[in-house]
Amino acid sequence: MNVKNLIEGVKKREPDKERQLYILLYENLFKVPLAYCVDKEEATGVFNYSVADIFKNLIDVEDEQSLLKWAYKILKNDCIDHVRKKAMYKKKLLYVEADCLESYASNDAISNLNMDEILKCINQLNDTYRLCFVMYELDGMTHKEIANKLNIKVNTSKWYLAEAKKKLREMVLKKGITYYPKLKLTL
């Protein structure tokens, strides 16, 4: 795929090129809003909002990987902003969709069952702990980045993560789960 031609076509508002770029972004990055949103419908809304931002501010890049890394940053920031606004105004829970991480579990049924149980445990954390956990463990953000995004101190971010892990450990041990995958959503 010639990324330069694709970008030029999107800048000229060519529907075929816009569709191609949308599909490229969806196939590679849709797992990001799934990790932050309650359900697939909400994740689709955040994703579409981000794609509009990406189309409006499209930069010239040389290859597909550079484009995806740039788009990933925008999408991740939009997801964090969405969750923060939602928490501030609606006080609803953030759920991690099991299907956003299914590719990280092995194919055997026991591991998949345990992955589902772990995700259920993550979903039982309070909003603040869950947000810090998702940002740190799934997105690979540093405590400094989390602190900047959430307007908190670095030590507060560390404390939230430690508490989240402590509560998760308690829930996991209580349920007898032995499989604990290393989860990453970064490119």
N, C-alpha and C. Protein backbone atom coordinates (compact mmCIF):
# COMPACT_ATOMS: atom_id res chain seq x y z
N MET A 1 0.84 -1.18 0.00
CA MET A 1 0.00 0.00 0.00
C MET A 1 0.89 1.24 0.00
N ASN A 2 0.58 2.18 -0.87
CA ASN A 2 1.32 3.43 -0.93
C ASN A 2 0.66 4.43 0.01
N VAL A 3 1.28 4.64 1.16
CA VAL A 3 0.72 5.49 2.20
C VAL A 3 0.66 6.95 1.75
N LYS A 4 1.65 7.40 1.01
CA LYS A 4 1.65 8.79 0.53
C LYS A 4 0.44 9.07 -0.35
N ASN A 5 0.15 8.16 -1.28
CA ASN A 5 -1.02 8.34 -2.15
C ASN A 5 -2.31 8.29 -1.34
N LEU A 6 -2.36 7.41 -0.36
CA LEU A 6 -3.54 7.30 0.50
C LEU A 6 -3.77 8.61 1.26
N ILE A 7 -2.73 9.15 1.83
CA ILE A 7 -2.83 10.41 2.59
C ILE A 7 -3.25 11.55 1.67
N GLU A 8 -2.64 11.64 0.51
CA GLU A 8 -3.00 12.70 -0.44
C GLU A 8 -4.47 12.58 -0.86
N GLY A 9 -4.93 11.35 -1.07
CA GLY A 9 -6.33 11.13 -1.43
C GLY A 9 -7.28 11.55 -0.32
N VAL A 10 -6.91 11.26 0.91
CA VAL A 10 -7.75 11.66 2.05
C VAL A 10 -7.77 13.18 2.17
N LYS A 11 -6.63 13.82 1.98
CA LYS A 11 -6.57 15.28 2.04
C LYS A 11 -7.43 15.92 0.96
N LYS A 12 -7.57 15.23 -0.18
CA LYS A 12 -8.41 15.72 -1.29
C LYS A 12 -9.86 15.27 -1.14
N ARG A 13 -10.15 14.58 -0.04
CA ARG A 13 -11.49 14.10 0.29
C ARG A 13 -12.03 13.10 -0.73
N GLU A 14 -11.16 12.21 -1.17
CA GLU A 14 -11.57 11.14 -2.08
C GLU A 14 -12.18 10.01 -1.24
N PRO A 15 -13.47 9.70 -1.46
CA PRO A 15 -14.16 8.71 -0.62
C PRO A 15 -13.47 7.34 -0.59
N ASP A 16 -12.95 6.89 -1.71
CA ASP A 16 -12.30 5.59 -1.75
C ASP A 16 -11.06 5.57 -0.85
N LYS A 17 -10.28 6.62 -0.89
CA LYS A 17 -9.08 6.71 -0.05
C LYS A 17 -9.45 6.85 1.43
N GLU A 18 -10.51 7.62 1.70
CA GLU A 18 -10.97 7.75 3.09
C GLU A 18 -11.41 6.39 3.63
N ARG A 19 -12.13 5.63 2.82
CA ARG A 19 -12.59 4.30 3.23
C ARG A 19 -11.39 3.38 3.49
N GLN A 20 -10.39 3.43 2.61
CA GLN A 20 -9.20 2.60 2.77
C GLN A 20 -8.47 2.94 4.07
N LEU A 21 -8.32 4.24 4.35
CA LEU A 21 -7.62 4.64 5.57
C LEU A 21 -8.43 4.25 6.80
N TYR A 22 -9.75 4.42 6.75
CA TYR A 22 -10.59 4.04 7.87
C TYR A 22 -10.43 2.55 8.17
N ILE A 23 -10.47 1.74 7.14
CA ILE A 23 -10.32 0.29 7.33
C ILE A 23 -8.95 -0.05 7.90
N LEU A 24 -7.91 0.59 7.40
CA LEU A 24 -6.56 0.37 7.92
C LEU A 24 -6.49 0.71 9.41
N LEU A 25 -7.04 1.85 9.79
CA LEU A 25 -7.03 2.26 11.20
C LEU A 25 -7.88 1.31 12.05
N TYR A 26 -9.04 0.94 11.54
CA TYR A 26 -9.93 0.05 12.29
C TYR A 26 -9.27 -1.30 12.56
N GLU A 27 -8.68 -1.88 11.53
CA GLU A 27 -8.07 -3.20 11.67
C GLU A 27 -6.89 -3.20 12.63
N ASN A 28 -6.19 -2.09 12.74
CA ASN A 28 -4.98 -2.04 13.56
C ASN A 28 -5.17 -1.39 14.92
N LEU A 29 -6.17 -0.53 15.08
CA LEU A 29 -6.25 0.27 16.30
C LEU A 29 -7.56 0.18 17.07
N PHE A 30 -8.55 -0.54 16.58
CA PHE A 30 -9.83 -0.56 17.27
C PHE A 30 -9.76 -1.20 18.65
N LYS A 31 -8.73 -2.01 18.89
CA LYS A 31 -8.59 -2.63 20.20
C LYS A 31 -8.32 -1.60 21.30
N VAL A 32 -7.81 -0.44 20.93
CA VAL A 32 -7.51 0.59 21.94
C VAL A 32 -8.77 1.11 22.60
N PRO A 33 -9.77 1.62 21.85
CA PRO A 33 -10.96 2.10 22.56
C PRO A 33 -11.76 0.98 23.24
N LEU A 34 -11.62 -0.24 22.76
CA LEU A 34 -12.30 -1.35 23.43
C LEU A 34 -11.79 -1.53 24.86
N ALA A 35 -10.53 -1.23 25.09
CA ALA A 35 -9.95 -1.37 26.42
C ALA A 35 -10.42 -0.27 27.37
N TYR A 36 -10.85 0.85 26.82
CA TYR A 36 -11.24 1.98 27.65
C TYR A 36 -12.76 2.13 27.82
N CYS A 37 -13.53 1.58 26.94
CA CYS A 37 -14.97 1.85 26.90
C CYS A 37 -15.79 0.70 27.48
N VAL A 38 -17.02 1.02 27.83
CA VAL A 38 -17.93 0.06 28.44
C VAL A 38 -18.32 -1.04 27.47
N ASP A 39 -18.59 -0.66 26.23
CA ASP A 39 -19.03 -1.65 25.25
C ASP A 39 -18.55 -1.26 23.86
N LYS A 40 -18.86 -2.13 22.93
CA LYS A 40 -18.39 -1.93 21.55
C LYS A 40 -19.02 -0.69 20.91
N GLU A 41 -20.24 -0.40 21.25
CA GLU A 41 -20.92 0.77 20.70
C GLU A 41 -20.22 2.07 21.14
N GLU A 42 -19.91 2.16 22.42
CA GLU A 42 -19.21 3.33 22.93
C GLU A 42 -17.81 3.42 22.32
N ALA A 43 -17.14 2.29 22.21
CA ALA A 43 -15.81 2.26 21.60
C ALA A 43 -15.85 2.73 20.16
N THR A 44 -16.89 2.34 19.44
CA THR A 44 -17.04 2.78 18.05
C THR A 44 -17.22 4.29 17.97
N GLY A 45 -17.98 4.85 18.89
CA GLY A 45 -18.16 6.30 18.92
C GLY A 45 -16.86 7.04 19.15
N VAL A 46 -16.09 6.58 20.12
CA VAL A 46 -14.79 7.20 20.41
C VAL A 46 -13.85 7.02 19.21
N PHE A 47 -13.86 5.83 18.64
CA PHE A 47 -13.00 5.56 17.48
C PHE A 47 -13.35 6.49 16.32
N ASN A 48 -14.64 6.63 16.02
CA ASN A 48 -15.05 7.49 14.91
C ASN A 48 -14.70 8.94 15.17
N TYR A 49 -14.85 9.39 16.41
CA TYR A 49 -14.46 10.76 16.77
C TYR A 49 -12.96 10.95 16.52
N SER A 50 -12.16 9.98 16.91
CA SER A 50 -10.72 10.06 16.71
C SER A 50 -10.34 10.02 15.23
N VAL A 51 -11.04 9.19 14.47
CA VAL A 51 -10.75 9.12 13.04
C VAL A 51 -11.03 10.47 12.38
N ALA A 52 -12.09 11.15 12.81
CA ALA A 52 -12.37 12.49 12.28
C ALA A 52 -11.21 13.43 12.59
N ASP A 53 -10.68 13.36 13.82
CA ASP A 53 -9.50 14.16 14.20
C ASP A 53 -8.31 13.80 13.32
N ILE A 54 -8.10 12.52 13.12
CA ILE A 54 -6.96 12.05 12.33
C ILE A 54 -7.08 12.54 10.90
N PHE A 55 -8.27 12.45 10.31
CA PHE A 55 -8.46 12.91 8.94
C PHE A 55 -8.23 14.42 8.83
N LYS A 56 -8.70 15.16 9.83
CA LYS A 56 -8.59 16.62 9.79
C LYS A 56 -7.14 17.08 9.94
N ASN A 57 -6.36 16.37 10.74
CA ASN A 57 -4.98 16.78 11.04
C ASN A 57 -3.95 15.85 10.43
N LEU A 58 -4.30 15.19 9.36
CA LEU A 58 -3.44 14.18 8.75
C LEU A 58 -2.07 14.75 8.40
N ILE A 59 -1.04 14.02 8.80
CA ILE A 59 0.34 14.45 8.53
C ILE A 59 0.92 13.59 7.41
N ASP A 60 1.96 14.11 6.80
CA ASP A 60 2.67 13.35 5.76
C ASP A 60 3.68 12.43 6.43
N VAL A 61 3.56 11.15 6.15
CA VAL A 61 4.51 10.16 6.68
C VAL A 61 4.97 9.28 5.53
N GLU A 62 6.04 8.57 5.77
CA GLU A 62 6.65 7.75 4.73
C GLU A 62 6.09 6.34 4.64
N ASP A 63 5.66 5.79 5.79
CA ASP A 63 5.23 4.40 5.76
C ASP A 63 4.03 4.17 6.67
N GLU A 64 3.44 3.00 6.54
CA GLU A 64 2.24 2.63 7.27
C GLU A 64 2.49 2.61 8.78
N GLN A 65 3.63 2.10 9.21
CA GLN A 65 3.94 2.00 10.64
C GLN A 65 3.99 3.38 11.29
N SER A 66 4.58 4.35 10.62
CA SER A 66 4.64 5.72 11.16
C SER A 66 3.24 6.31 11.28
N LEU A 67 2.42 6.07 10.28
CA LEU A 67 1.04 6.55 10.30
C LEU A 67 0.27 5.93 11.46
N LEU A 68 0.43 4.63 11.66
CA LEU A 68 -0.28 3.95 12.74
C LEU A 68 0.19 4.41 14.11
N LYS A 69 1.48 4.63 14.27
CA LYS A 69 1.99 5.12 15.57
C LYS A 69 1.43 6.50 15.88
N TRP A 70 1.40 7.38 14.87
CA TRP A 70 0.87 8.72 15.06
C TRP A 70 -0.63 8.66 15.39
N ALA A 71 -1.38 7.85 14.64
CA ALA A 71 -2.82 7.71 14.86
C ALA A 71 -3.10 7.07 16.22
N TYR A 72 -2.25 6.13 16.63
CA TYR A 72 -2.40 5.48 17.93
C TYR A 72 -2.33 6.50 19.07
N LYS A 73 -1.40 7.43 18.97
CA LYS A 73 -1.27 8.45 20.02
C LYS A 73 -2.52 9.31 20.11
N ILE A 74 -3.05 9.71 18.97
CA ILE A 74 -4.27 10.52 18.96
C ILE A 74 -5.43 9.73 19.54
N LEU A 75 -5.58 8.49 19.11
CA LEU A 75 -6.68 7.65 19.58
C LEU A 75 -6.59 7.40 21.08
N LYS A 76 -5.40 7.11 21.56
CA LYS A 76 -5.22 6.85 22.99
C LYS A 76 -5.56 8.10 23.80
N ASN A 77 -5.11 9.26 23.36
CA ASN A 77 -5.42 10.50 24.07
C ASN A 77 -6.91 10.79 24.05
N ASP A 78 -7.58 10.55 22.93
CA ASP A 78 -9.02 10.74 22.87
C ASP A 78 -9.75 9.78 23.80
N CYS A 79 -9.27 8.55 23.90
CA CYS A 79 -9.88 7.57 24.81
C CYS A 79 -9.74 8.03 26.26
N ILE A 80 -8.57 8.48 26.61
CA ILE A 80 -8.34 8.94 27.99
C ILE A 80 -9.21 10.15 28.29
N ASP A 81 -9.29 11.08 27.35
CA ASP A 81 -10.15 12.25 27.55
C ASP A 81 -11.61 11.85 27.70
N HIS A 82 -12.03 10.89 26.89
CA HIS A 82 -13.41 10.41 26.96
C HIS A 82 -13.71 9.80 28.33
N VAL A 83 -12.83 8.96 28.81
CA VAL A 83 -13.04 8.31 30.11
C VAL A 83 -13.04 9.35 31.22
N ARG A 84 -12.13 10.29 31.14
CA ARG A 84 -12.07 11.32 32.17
C ARG A 84 -13.35 12.15 32.20
N LYS A 85 -13.83 12.55 31.02
CA LYS A 85 -15.08 13.33 30.96
C LYS A 85 -16.25 12.50 31.47
N LYS A 86 -16.28 11.25 31.08
CA LYS A 86 -17.35 10.36 31.49
C LYS A 86 -17.34 10.17 33.01
N ALA A 87 -16.16 10.00 33.57
CA ALA A 87 -16.05 9.82 35.02
C ALA A 87 -16.46 11.09 35.76
N MET A 88 -16.08 12.23 35.19
CA MET A 88 -16.42 13.50 35.85
C MET A 88 -17.92 13.77 35.83
N TYR A 89 -18.57 13.50 34.73
CA TYR A 89 -19.96 13.91 34.57
C TYR A 89 -20.97 12.81 34.79
N LYS A 90 -20.62 11.58 34.53
CA LYS A 90 -21.61 10.51 34.62
C LYS A 90 -21.32 9.50 35.72
N LYS A 91 -20.09 9.42 36.17
CA LYS A 91 -19.69 8.49 37.23
C LYS A 91 -20.05 7.04 36.89
N LYS A 92 -19.88 6.68 35.62
CA LYS A 92 -20.16 5.30 35.21
C LYS A 92 -18.88 4.50 35.25
N LEU A 93 -19.03 3.19 35.25
CA LEU A 93 -17.87 2.31 35.30
C LEU A 93 -17.24 2.15 33.93
N LEU A 94 -15.92 1.94 33.94
CA LEU A 94 -15.17 1.63 32.73
C LEU A 94 -14.94 0.13 32.71
N TYR A 95 -15.39 -0.53 31.68
CA TYR A 95 -15.20 -1.96 31.56
C TYR A 95 -14.23 -2.27 30.45
N VAL A 96 -13.39 -3.23 30.68
CA VAL A 96 -12.49 -3.72 29.64
C VAL A 96 -13.21 -4.83 28.92
N GLU A 97 -13.39 -4.68 27.62
CA GLU A 97 -14.07 -5.70 26.83
C GLU A 97 -13.15 -6.91 26.68
N ALA A 98 -13.69 -8.07 26.91
CA ALA A 98 -12.89 -9.29 26.80
C ALA A 98 -12.38 -9.49 25.39
N ASP A 99 -13.17 -9.12 24.38
CA ASP A 99 -12.73 -9.37 23.01
C ASP A 99 -11.58 -8.49 22.57
N CYS A 100 -11.29 -7.39 23.30
CA CYS A 100 -10.17 -6.55 22.90
C CYS A 100 -8.83 -7.21 23.19
N LEU A 101 -8.84 -8.19 24.06
CA LEU A 101 -7.59 -8.82 24.44
C LEU A 101 -7.54 -10.31 24.12
N GLU A 102 -8.56 -10.80 23.40
CA GLU A 102 -8.61 -12.24 23.18
C GLU A 102 -7.42 -12.76 22.40
N SER A 103 -6.80 -11.90 21.59
CA SER A 103 -5.65 -12.35 20.82
C SER A 103 -4.43 -12.57 21.71
N TYR A 104 -4.46 -12.08 22.94
CA TYR A 104 -3.31 -12.24 23.82
C TYR A 104 -3.36 -13.54 24.61
N ALA A 105 -4.50 -14.20 24.62
CA ALA A 105 -4.60 -15.47 25.33
C ALA A 105 -4.23 -16.59 24.38
N SER A 106 -3.75 -17.67 24.93
CA SER A 106 -3.42 -18.82 24.07
C SER A 106 -4.71 -19.47 23.62
N ASN A 107 -4.61 -20.42 22.72
CA ASN A 107 -5.80 -21.03 22.14
C ASN A 107 -6.48 -22.03 23.05
N ASP A 108 -5.82 -22.48 24.08
CA ASP A 108 -6.46 -23.51 24.89
C ASP A 108 -7.59 -22.93 25.74
N ALA A 109 -8.64 -23.70 25.91
CA ALA A 109 -9.88 -23.22 26.54
C ALA A 109 -9.66 -22.78 27.97
N ILE A 110 -8.78 -23.42 28.70
CA ILE A 110 -8.53 -23.06 30.09
C ILE A 110 -7.95 -21.65 30.17
N SER A 111 -7.00 -21.34 29.31
CA SER A 111 -6.41 -20.01 29.31
C SER A 111 -7.44 -18.96 28.95
N ASN A 112 -8.30 -19.24 27.98
CA ASN A 112 -9.33 -18.29 27.60
C ASN A 112 -10.31 -18.05 28.74
N LEU A 113 -10.68 -19.11 29.43
CA LEU A 113 -11.56 -18.98 30.58
C LEU A 113 -10.89 -18.10 31.64
N ASN A 114 -9.63 -18.35 31.90
CA ASN A 114 -8.93 -17.57 32.91
C ASN A 114 -8.78 -16.11 32.49
N MET A 115 -8.56 -15.85 31.19
CA MET A 115 -8.48 -14.47 30.70
C MET A 115 -9.80 -13.76 30.98
N ASP A 116 -10.92 -14.43 30.71
CA ASP A 116 -12.22 -13.83 30.98
C ASP A 116 -12.38 -13.52 32.46
N GLU A 117 -11.94 -14.43 33.32
CA GLU A 117 -12.03 -14.20 34.76
C GLU A 117 -11.17 -13.01 35.19
N ILE A 118 -9.99 -12.91 34.62
CA ILE A 118 -9.10 -11.79 34.95
C ILE A 118 -9.73 -10.48 34.52
N LEU A 119 -10.31 -10.44 33.33
CA LEU A 119 -10.96 -9.23 32.85
C LEU A 119 -12.16 -8.86 33.72
N LYS A 120 -12.88 -9.85 34.22
CA LYS A 120 -13.98 -9.57 35.14
C LYS A 120 -13.46 -8.93 36.42
N CYS A 121 -12.32 -9.40 36.88
CA CYS A 121 -11.70 -8.81 38.07
C CYS A 121 -11.29 -7.36 37.81
N ILE A 122 -10.70 -7.11 36.66
CA ILE A 122 -10.30 -5.74 36.30
C ILE A 122 -11.53 -4.84 36.29
N ASN A 123 -12.63 -5.34 35.76
CA ASN A 123 -13.86 -4.54 35.68
C ASN A 123 -14.47 -4.25 37.05
N GLN A 124 -14.08 -5.00 38.08
CA GLN A 124 -14.61 -4.77 39.42
C GLN A 124 -13.85 -3.68 40.17
N LEU A 125 -12.71 -3.24 39.63
CA LEU A 125 -11.96 -2.16 40.28
C LEU A 125 -12.74 -0.85 40.18
N ASN A 126 -12.50 0.06 41.13
CA ASN A 126 -13.16 1.36 41.01
C ASN A 126 -12.56 2.13 39.82
N ASP A 127 -13.24 3.16 39.39
CA ASP A 127 -12.87 3.87 38.16
C ASP A 127 -11.42 4.35 38.14
N THR A 128 -10.97 4.96 39.21
CA THR A 128 -9.62 5.53 39.24
C THR A 128 -8.56 4.44 39.17
N TYR A 129 -8.72 3.40 39.96
CA TYR A 129 -7.76 2.30 39.93
C TYR A 129 -7.73 1.65 38.56
N ARG A 130 -8.92 1.41 38.00
CA ARG A 130 -9.03 0.75 36.70
C ARG A 130 -8.37 1.60 35.61
N LEU A 131 -8.60 2.91 35.63
CA LEU A 131 -8.03 3.79 34.61
C LEU A 131 -6.50 3.77 34.69
N CYS A 132 -5.94 3.89 35.89
CA CYS A 132 -4.48 3.84 36.04
C CYS A 132 -3.94 2.48 35.61
N PHE A 133 -4.63 1.42 35.98
CA PHE A 133 -4.19 0.08 35.61
C PHE A 133 -4.17 -0.09 34.09
N VAL A 134 -5.25 0.31 33.43
CA VAL A 134 -5.33 0.19 31.97
C VAL A 134 -4.26 1.02 31.30
N MET A 135 -4.07 2.25 31.76
CA MET A 135 -3.08 3.13 31.14
C MET A 135 -1.66 2.59 31.33
N TYR A 136 -1.37 2.05 32.50
CA TYR A 136 -0.02 1.57 32.78
C TYR A 136 0.23 0.18 32.20
N GLU A 137 -0.64 -0.76 32.51
CA GLU A 137 -0.41 -2.15 32.13
C GLU A 137 -0.78 -2.46 30.69
N LEU A 138 -1.86 -1.90 30.20
CA LEU A 138 -2.30 -2.22 28.85
C LEU A 138 -1.69 -1.29 27.80
N ASP A 139 -1.60 0.00 28.13
CA ASP A 139 -1.06 0.95 27.16
C ASP A 139 0.43 1.18 27.31
N GLY A 140 1.00 0.75 28.42
CA GLY A 140 2.44 0.90 28.61
C GLY A 140 2.88 2.32 28.91
N MET A 141 1.98 3.14 29.43
CA MET A 141 2.33 4.52 29.76
C MET A 141 3.14 4.54 31.06
N THR A 142 3.98 5.55 31.19
CA THR A 142 4.75 5.73 32.43
C THR A 142 3.88 6.46 33.46
N HIS A 143 4.32 6.43 34.70
CA HIS A 143 3.58 7.14 35.74
C HIS A 143 3.57 8.64 35.48
N LYS A 144 4.64 9.14 34.92
CA LYS A 144 4.69 10.57 34.61
C LYS A 144 3.66 10.93 33.54
N GLU A 145 3.53 10.08 32.52
CA GLU A 145 2.54 10.32 31.47
C GLU A 145 1.12 10.23 32.03
N ILE A 146 0.89 9.25 32.88
CA ILE A 146 -0.43 9.09 33.50
C ILE A 146 -0.74 10.31 34.37
N ALA A 147 0.22 10.74 35.15
CA ALA A 147 0.03 11.91 36.01
C ALA A 147 -0.32 13.14 35.18
N ASN A 148 0.37 13.32 34.07
CA ASN A 148 0.08 14.48 33.21
C ASN A 148 -1.32 14.39 32.61
N LYS A 149 -1.70 13.21 32.17
CA LYS A 149 -3.02 13.04 31.54
C LYS A 149 -4.16 13.23 32.54
N LEU A 150 -3.96 12.75 33.75
CA LEU A 150 -5.04 12.78 34.74
C LEU A 150 -4.94 13.95 35.71
N ASN A 151 -3.93 14.78 35.52
CA ASN A 151 -3.70 15.94 36.39
C ASN A 151 -3.57 15.53 37.86
N ILE A 152 -2.75 14.51 38.08
CA ILE A 152 -2.44 14.06 39.43
C ILE A 152 -0.93 14.01 39.59
N LYS A 153 -0.47 13.74 40.79
CA LYS A 153 0.97 13.62 41.03
C LYS A 153 1.45 12.23 40.63
N VAL A 154 2.74 12.13 40.32
CA VAL A 154 3.33 10.86 39.92
C VAL A 154 3.16 9.82 41.02
N ASN A 155 3.41 10.21 42.25
CA ASN A 155 3.27 9.27 43.37
C ASN A 155 1.83 8.80 43.55
N THR A 156 0.88 9.67 43.24
CA THR A 156 -0.52 9.28 43.31
C THR A 156 -0.82 8.21 42.26
N SER A 157 -0.27 8.38 41.07
CA SER A 157 -0.43 7.38 40.01
C SER A 157 0.14 6.04 40.45
N LYS A 158 1.33 6.08 41.06
CA LYS A 158 1.95 4.85 41.55
C LYS A 158 1.10 4.18 42.62
N TRP A 159 0.52 5.00 43.49
CA TRP A 159 -0.30 4.46 44.56
C TRP A 159 -1.56 3.81 43.99
N TYR A 160 -2.23 4.50 43.04
CA TYR A 160 -3.43 3.93 42.41
C TYR A 160 -3.11 2.59 41.76
N LEU A 161 -1.98 2.52 41.06
CA LEU A 161 -1.61 1.27 40.40
C LEU A 161 -1.33 0.18 41.43
N ALA A 162 -0.61 0.52 42.47
CA ALA A 162 -0.31 -0.47 43.52
C ALA A 162 -1.59 -0.99 44.16
N GLU A 163 -2.52 -0.09 44.43
CA GLU A 163 -3.80 -0.50 45.02
C GLU A 163 -4.59 -1.37 44.05
N ALA A 164 -4.58 -1.00 42.78
CA ALA A 164 -5.28 -1.81 41.77
C ALA A 164 -4.69 -3.21 41.72
N LYS A 165 -3.37 -3.30 41.70
CA LYS A 165 -2.72 -4.61 41.64
C LYS A 165 -3.00 -5.42 42.91
N LYS A 166 -3.00 -4.75 44.04
CA LYS A 166 -3.28 -5.42 45.32
C LYS A 166 -4.70 -6.00 45.30
N LYS A 167 -5.67 -5.19 44.89
CA LYS A 167 -7.05 -5.66 44.84
C LYS A 167 -7.22 -6.76 43.80
N LEU A 168 -6.55 -6.62 42.65
CA LEU A 168 -6.62 -7.67 41.63
C LEU A 168 -6.02 -8.98 42.14
N ARG A 169 -4.88 -8.87 42.81
CA ARG A 169 -4.22 -10.05 43.36
C ARG A 169 -5.16 -10.78 44.32
N GLU A 170 -5.84 -10.00 45.19
CA GLU A 170 -6.78 -10.59 46.14
C GLU A 170 -7.92 -11.30 45.41
N MET A 171 -8.48 -10.64 44.40
CA MET A 171 -9.59 -11.24 43.65
C MET A 171 -9.14 -12.48 42.90
N VAL A 172 -7.97 -12.41 42.28
CA VAL A 172 -7.45 -13.53 41.50
C VAL A 172 -7.18 -14.72 42.40
N LEU A 173 -6.56 -14.49 43.56
CA LEU A 173 -6.29 -15.58 44.49
C LEU A 173 -7.58 -16.18 45.04
N LYS A 174 -8.55 -15.32 45.29
CA LYS A 174 -9.83 -15.79 45.81
C LYS A 174 -10.52 -16.71 44.80
N LYS A 175 -10.36 -16.41 43.52
CA LYS A 175 -10.99 -17.21 42.46
C LYS A 175 -10.12 -18.38 42.03
N GLY A 176 -8.87 -18.42 42.49
CA GLY A 176 -7.99 -19.53 42.15
C GLY A 176 -7.47 -19.49 40.72
N ILE A 177 -7.33 -18.31 40.15
CA ILE A 177 -6.84 -18.17 38.78
C ILE A 177 -5.33 -18.29 38.78
N THR A 178 -4.80 -19.11 37.89
CA THR A 178 -3.35 -19.30 37.84
C THR A 178 -2.72 -18.67 36.62
N TYR A 179 -3.49 -18.37 35.60
CA TYR A 179 -2.96 -17.81 34.35
C TYR A 179 -3.08 -16.30 34.39
N TYR A 180 -1.98 -15.59 34.35
CA TYR A 180 -2.01 -14.12 34.39
C TYR A 180 -1.15 -13.62 33.23
N PRO A 181 -1.77 -13.31 32.09
CA PRO A 181 -1.01 -12.93 30.90
C PRO A 181 -0.40 -11.55 31.02
N LYS A 182 0.66 -11.30 30.26
CA LYS A 182 1.23 -9.97 30.16
C LYS A 182 0.44 -9.26 29.07
N LEU A 183 -0.30 -8.22 29.44
CA LEU A 183 -1.19 -7.56 28.52
C LEU A 183 -0.55 -6.28 28.01
N LYS A 184 -0.51 -6.10 26.69
CA LYS A 184 0.00 -4.87 26.09
C LYS A 184 -0.85 -4.52 24.88
N LEU A 185 -1.17 -3.24 24.73
CA LEU A 185 -1.92 -2.79 23.57
C LEU A 185 -1.10 -1.88 22.67
N THR A 186 0.13 -1.64 23.03
CA THR A 186 0.93 -0.72 22.24
C THR A 186 1.34 -1.35 20.92
N LEU A 187 1.69 -0.49 19.98
CA LEU A 187 2.14 -0.98 18.68
C LEU A 187 3.58 -1.41 18.73
